Amino acid sequence: MIVRKPLALSLIALAIAAPGLASASSPYHPADGEVGFTTHPDHFQSAMSRADALQAVTVARKDGTLAIIARGGALPVKAMSPSKTREQVQQEYLSMSAAEKQRMKELYSGG
């Protein structure tokens, strides 16, 4: 009983301290006070080289995304496949079975 209590306390202390130890490679560390963190830029390690970063900025500048990001805008989503025309969608709906139409109605109307 005497040995179990200190062992249990030390395991609890280790469990509480483990997240703080794991963030040692992060550029931000918790701190006391109003701010709540300190910044250590030398702890940050990037996998991207400076040349790669400059190339990415050049590409973003050419395609216009840099200007959008600089103004706080959202980037437009690029279509993954060609979209359908209105006539194609209407034809798909007309060729559906009654059970499929009912399922679509339940799915999109909530009832």
C-alpha atoms as a PDB file:
ATOM      1  CA  MET A   1       0.000   0.000   0.000  1.00  0.00           C
ATOM      2  CA  ILE A   2       2.854   2.394   0.811  1.00  0.00           C
ATOM      3  CA  VAL A   3       4.558   1.780  -2.559  1.00  0.00           C
ATOM      4  CA  ARG A   4       1.375   1.916  -4.630  1.00  0.00           C
ATOM      5  CA  LYS A   5       0.423   5.486  -3.732  1.00  0.00           C
ATOM      6  CA  PRO A   6       3.709   7.144  -4.855  1.00  0.00           C
ATOM      7  CA  LEU A   7       3.734   4.976  -7.984  1.00  0.00           C
ATOM      8  CA  ALA A   8       0.168   5.950  -8.811  1.00  0.00           C
ATOM      9  CA  LEU A   9       0.922   9.641  -8.218  1.00  0.00           C
ATOM     10  CA  SER A  10       4.000   9.547 -10.431  1.00  0.00           C
ATOM     11  CA  LEU A  11       2.037   7.815 -13.222  1.00  0.00           C
ATOM     12  CA  ILE A  12      -0.681  10.463 -12.976  1.00  0.00           C
ATOM     13  CA  ALA A  13       1.937  13.219 -13.125  1.00  0.00           C
ATOM     14  CA  LEU A  14       3.498  11.600 -16.198  1.00  0.00           C
ATOM     15  CA  ALA A  15       0.099  11.352 -17.896  1.00  0.00           C
ATOM     16  CA  ILE A  16      -0.555  15.035 -17.233  1.00  0.00           C
ATOM     17  CA  ALA A  17       2.889  16.127 -18.460  1.00  0.00           C
ATOM     18  CA  ALA A  18       2.977  13.914 -21.581  1.00  0.00           C
ATOM     19  CA  PRO A  19       1.074  16.307 -23.891  1.00  0.00           C
ATOM     20  CA  GLY A  20       3.419  19.142 -22.942  1.00  0.00           C
ATOM     21  CA  LEU A  21       6.457  17.010 -23.662  1.00  0.00           C
ATOM     22  CA  ALA A  22       5.047  15.969 -27.026  1.00  0.00           C
ATOM     23  CA  SER A  23       4.695  19.595 -28.152  1.00  0.00           C
ATOM     24  CA  ALA A  24       8.393  20.396 -27.741  1.00  0.00           C
ATOM     25  CA  SER A  25       8.849  20.530 -31.523  1.00  0.00           C
ATOM     26  CA  SER A  26       5.986  23.014 -31.908  1.00  0.00           C
ATOM     27  CA  PRO A  27       6.801  26.723 -32.305  1.00  0.00           C
ATOM     28  CA  TYR A  28       4.205  27.529 -29.604  1.00  0.00           C
ATOM     29  CA  HIS A  29       4.595  26.541 -25.953  1.00  0.00           C
ATOM     30  CA  PRO A  30       2.136  27.064 -23.105  1.00  0.00           C
ATOM     31  CA  ALA A  31       2.951  29.863 -20.703  1.00  0.00           C
ATOM     32  CA  ASP A  32       1.472  31.363 -17.583  1.00  0.00           C
ATOM     33  CA  GLY A  33      -0.219  34.700 -17.797  1.00  0.00           C
ATOM     34  CA  GLU A  34      -2.709  36.435 -20.010  1.00  0.00           C
ATOM     35  CA  VAL A  35      -1.130  35.508 -23.336  1.00  0.00           C
ATOM     36  CA  GLY A  36      -1.172  31.770 -22.666  1.00  0.00           C
ATOM     37  CA  PHE A  37       1.697  30.831 -24.975  1.00  0.00           C
ATOM     38  CA  THR A  38       5.208  31.770 -26.021  1.00  0.00           C
ATOM     39  CA  THR A  39       6.549  31.637 -29.554  1.00  0.00           C
ATOM     40  CA  HIS A  40       9.797  29.872 -30.442  1.00  0.00           C
ATOM     41  CA  PRO A  41      10.230  30.043 -34.249  1.00  0.00           C
ATOM     42  CA  ASP A  42      13.528  28.153 -34.045  1.00  0.00           C
ATOM     43  CA  HIS A  43      11.595  25.030 -32.931  1.00  0.00           C
ATOM     44  CA  PHE A  44       9.640  24.878 -36.197  1.00  0.00           C
ATOM     45  CA  GLN A  45      11.069  22.500 -38.792  1.00  0.00           C
ATOM     46  CA  SER A  46       9.603  22.676 -42.289  1.00  0.00           C
ATOM     47  CA  ALA A  47       9.775  19.896 -44.851  1.00  0.00           C
ATOM     48  CA  MET A  48       9.531  22.471 -47.659  1.00  0.00           C
ATOM     49  CA  SER A  49      12.692  24.178 -48.898  1.00  0.00           C
ATOM     50  CA  ARG A  50      12.884  27.910 -49.523  1.00  0.00           C
ATOM     51  CA  ALA A  51      13.041  27.336 -53.287  1.00  0.00           C
ATOM     52  CA  ASP A  52       9.873  25.209 -53.155  1.00  0.00           C
ATOM     53  CA  ALA A  53       8.060  27.912 -51.179  1.00  0.00           C
ATOM     54  CA  LEU A  54       9.108  30.641 -53.616  1.00  0.00           C
ATOM     55  CA  GLN A  55       7.991  28.486 -56.547  1.00  0.00           C
ATOM     56  CA  ALA A  56       4.582  27.939 -54.895  1.00  0.00           C
ATOM     57  CA  VAL A  57       4.201  31.700 -54.379  1.00  0.00           C
ATOM     58  CA  THR A  58       5.101  32.365 -58.017  1.00  0.00           C
ATOM     59  CA  VAL A  59       2.512  29.833 -59.229  1.00  0.00           C
ATOM     60  CA  ALA A  60      -0.125  31.323 -56.887  1.00  0.00           C
ATOM     61  CA  ARG A  61       0.669  34.821 -58.124  1.00  0.00           C
ATOM     62  CA  LYS A  62       0.293  33.748 -61.773  1.00  0.00           C
ATOM     63  CA  ASP A  63      -3.038  31.947 -61.346  1.00  0.00           C
ATOM     64  CA  GLY A  64      -4.542  34.690 -59.149  1.00  0.00           C
ATOM     65  CA  THR A  65      -4.975  32.717 -55.927  1.00  0.00           C
ATOM     66  CA  LEU A  66      -2.359  34.803 -54.085  1.00  0.00           C
ATOM     67  CA  ALA A  67      -4.445  37.965 -54.530  1.00  0.00           C
ATOM     68  CA  ILE A  68      -7.575  36.173 -53.287  1.00  0.00           C
ATOM     69  CA  ILE A  69      -5.802  34.787 -50.200  1.00  0.00           C
ATOM     70  CA  ALA A  70      -4.138  38.149 -49.457  1.00  0.00           C
ATOM     71  CA  ARG A  71      -7.571  39.791 -49.289  1.00  0.00           C
ATOM     72  CA  GLY A  72      -8.961  37.058 -47.022  1.00  0.00           C
ATOM     73  CA  GLY A  73     -11.183  35.532 -49.665  1.00  0.00           C
ATOM     74  CA  ALA A  74     -12.117  31.898 -50.090  1.00  0.00           C
ATOM     75  CA  LEU A  75     -10.539  30.023 -52.946  1.00  0.00           C
ATOM     76  CA  PRO A  76     -12.974  28.831 -55.590  1.00  0.00           C
ATOM     77  CA  VAL A  77     -13.497  25.089 -55.712  1.00  0.00           C
ATOM     78  CA  LYS A  78     -12.344  23.525 -58.946  1.00  0.00           C
ATOM     79  CA  ALA A  79     -14.702  21.022 -60.568  1.00  0.00           C
ATOM     80  CA  MET A  80     -13.387  17.474 -60.473  1.00  0.00           C
ATOM     81  CA  SER A  81     -15.401  16.303 -63.477  1.00  0.00           C
ATOM     82  CA  PRO A  82     -17.447  18.000 -66.171  1.00  0.00           C
ATOM     83  CA  SER A  83     -20.792  19.135 -64.818  1.00  0.00           C
ATOM     84  CA  LYS A  84     -24.078  18.077 -66.348  1.00  0.00           C
ATOM     85  CA  THR A  85     -26.376  20.320 -68.290  1.00  0.00           C
ATOM     86  CA  ARG A  86     -29.883  21.082 -67.099  1.00  0.00           C
ATOM     87  CA  GLU A  87     -31.318  18.850 -69.817  1.00  0.00           C
ATOM     88  CA  GLN A  88     -29.137  15.913 -68.700  1.00  0.00           C
ATOM     89  CA  VAL A  89     -30.325  16.240 -65.100  1.00  0.00           C
ATOM     90  CA  GLN A  90     -33.962  16.479 -66.172  1.00  0.00           C
ATOM     91  CA  GLN A  91     -33.585  13.416 -68.392  1.00  0.00           C
ATOM     92  CA  GLU A  92     -32.020  11.468 -65.503  1.00  0.00           C
ATOM     93  CA  TYR A  93     -34.962  12.369 -63.274  1.00  0.00           C
ATOM     94  CA  LEU A  94     -37.514  11.380 -65.905  1.00  0.00           C
ATOM     95  CA  SER A  95     -35.813   8.007 -66.410  1.00  0.00           C
ATOM     96  CA  MET A  96     -35.849   7.160 -62.661  1.00  0.00           C
ATOM     97  CA  SER A  97     -38.194   4.544 -61.320  1.00  0.00           C
ATOM     98  CA  ALA A  98     -40.986   5.493 -58.921  1.00  0.00           C
ATOM     99  CA  ALA A  99     -39.077   3.972 -55.988  1.00  0.00           C
ATOM    100  CA  GLU A 100     -35.978   6.032 -56.815  1.00  0.00           C
ATOM    101  CA  LYS A 101     -38.054   9.207 -57.087  1.00  0.00           C
ATOM    102  CA  GLN A 102     -39.656   8.482 -53.696  1.00  0.00           C
ATOM    103  CA  ARG A 103     -36.218   7.905 -52.158  1.00  0.00           C
ATOM    104  CA  MET A 104     -34.943  11.202 -53.594  1.00  0.00           C
ATOM    105  CA  LYS A 105     -38.016  12.988 -52.220  1.00  0.00           C
ATOM    106  CA  GLU A 106     -37.422  11.509 -48.747  1.00  0.00           C
ATOM    107  CA  LEU A 107     -33.734  12.292 -48.891  1.00  0.00           C
ATOM    108  CA  TYR A 108     -34.048  15.960 -49.864  1.00  0.00           C
ATOM    109  CA  SER A 109     -37.346  16.955 -48.260  1.00  0.00           C
ATOM    110  CA  GLY A 110     -36.745  15.336 -44.882  1.00  0.00           C
ATOM    111  CA  GLY A 111     -40.000  13.422 -44.944  1.00  0.00           C
END
